Amino acid sequence: MAESMKGLKRTHRCGELSAANVGEEVTVMGWVQKQRNKGGIIFVDMRDRAGLLQVIFEESDCGAENFEKAYHLRSEFVIAVVGKVCKREGAVNDNLATGEIEIRATQLRVLSESDTPPFPIEADSKTKEELRLKYRYLDLRRPDIQNNLILRSKIATTTRAFLAEEGFLEIETPMLCKSTPEGARDYLVPSRVHPGHFYALPQSPQIFKQLLMCSGYDRYFQLAKCFRDEDLRADRQPEFTQVDLEMSFVDVDDVIDATERMVQRVCKEAIGLDVQLPIQRMTWQDAMDRFGSDKPDTRFGMELTDVSEVVKGCGFGVFTGAIENGGSVRGITVKGQAEMPRKKIDALTAFVKDYGAKGLAYLSIQADGSYKSSFAKFMTEEELKALSEAMGAEAGDLMFFAADKNSVVWASLGALRIEVAKQLDMIDNDKFNFLWVTEFPLLEWNEEADRFVAMHHPFTMPMDEDLQYLESDPGRVRAKAYDIVLNGVELGGGSVRIFQNDVQEKMFKVLGFTMEQAYNQFGFLLNAFKYGVPPHAGLAIGLDRFVMLLVKADNIREVIAFPKVKDASCLMTEAPSTVADAQLQELYLELTPVEEAAKEAE
């Protein structure tokens, strides 16, 4: 039967006690991790968010009634213990912060009993994630998850403190917004007061933070909740938090400088990591050419090499055809893997097909200097030697090649490079390699829409020297955009914003918007720009991803208190769920059965 806390006040958390407290009478409260009955002595491991503590119950110390209650304790009972801190009589536990001490209990109260939990409450759980997420309130008791969330809180606090010291103002922006056509799908919220009309949950505070710059607030930040209705991955959730900031009267270097110093401070205070400044910068073009990715993992080499010039006159039609069609031939060299089994090569060939590649050519140099290749019969010995030299390959090395349009070659080899490095254990997981990727293309061609779309968003400023090409040759225009990357993961990104009306109008025109359409979607922003807008720029860093990378978690769900699974549902609350017909009627909504909707779409 549960007892009251009346008359008791917790003096310490379990993990806060140490040898310095020996001799003190303390009151601790928490959960029973384990109870062990050793005859006349009962040992209880007691747990709270600060750590684990050993409590000893002997009838001579605590009396018959308390000893009897201790005898019946089970895992996850919530208890309050009064007792004296003593040096451990048994062996010291060096694995515990409290391993030198124990509490000799004089009083016990059972504040709450517990059913047997569906899985053990322990670090590094082997329980299936689906079960853990169904009982997330239990999963959150595990020490490793608690440590992740404690670190997340520390990172958020440090971030706020740094930005406040730098003169940023924390300002909240709306959650109920106007839907916009660009970017990911919106989560829509029907309006009861305005039948047939919908709000959208914000994909980011982008427009509002630009309006704050128009309003003279100079430096804004927010730990902003954002929502995107898109397919989930290990580093993506439908709702997420970003460290969002915007600055007036600045250019690229100013935003990068403030962000670098913020990242440096957070890493130092959170995990003791010394980030050396300035962080390396690399242009988008350089990143794609060297790594096949705009978020390259620089913890290992195996960079891409363009061999188009070397093979343009060879007899292998796959290579020459790609070059003639405006593409390229590029490769990676895998050191010491000339004897890689054909079965493994075939599996890697299948792997790159997911990235648009039609196949994967390979060439190895055997120990005796001879060549083994999928295309050797199409090339002379001299051509194979020239290709190997261009790739920097030596005896014992294996080379992989992709030939297609650049976007396919980059995507397939960039992914292959990562996959091979993982398989061969080439990545140092103790490294934290930060990188800025700059000078992104302003626009990219969308074949489905048959028009240019903004690579970042429609308010990104072209680089000064490329502004002249915005209307005549939009594809060559680079943006004043920048992403910060950590270990091959995009941590965040931003840009200098367009602040002149004439440039913004040209941008909308290139994107296929009429001015009527532009004003319909963004009229409030364009109107604000008529009243004196300062040059401004900003950035957003994904807080969830940042924490995930710093704690070396495999999945972003490990650093979010109540995450969604791959289909964007919550296993614990069973959201999303159906709602009552009366609620739908209030919102003037009528549902179409899935079968009927599918037929109408045919």
Foldseek 3Di string as FASTA:
>chain_A
DADDCPPHDFDDEQQPDEPVQAFPKGKYKAWWQDWDPPDQKIWTWGDDQNFTAIEIEGCVQANDVQVVVSVPDDGGFIKMFIFGKHADPDDFDPVGSHRGIHGYTRYMGGRGHDDDDPARQEPPDPDDVLVCLQVLVSVCRRNLLSLLQVLLVLLVVLLVVLLVVVVADEDDDDQFADDDDDDADWDWAFDLVDFPDITTGAQDCVLVQLVVLLVPSFKYWYQDWHAGPDFDDQADFRIFTKTWMKGFPDALVVQLVSVQVSVQRSLCVRPNDHDDPPAAEAAQVRCLQFQLDLFAQPQFHQTKFWCLVLCCPFQDCLSVVLVVVVATKIKTKDAQCLVPDPVVQVVLQVVLVVLVFPGKWKWAQAQVRDIDTPCPVRGDPVSVVSVCVSNVHDHRMMMIMTGHHSNSRSRSRNVSVVVVCVVVVVGDLVDKRKYKYFFAQQWDADPVVRAIAGPVHLFWAWDPVQLVCCQPPSRVTTTQKMFMHISRHTFKIKHWTDLDLVSSCSSCVRRVHDVVRVCVRPVVSSVSSVPDGGGMMIMMGGSLSVSCSSSVPSGSVSNDSFGADRNNARSNVRPPDDDDPVVCVSSVHDDDPPVVVVVVVD
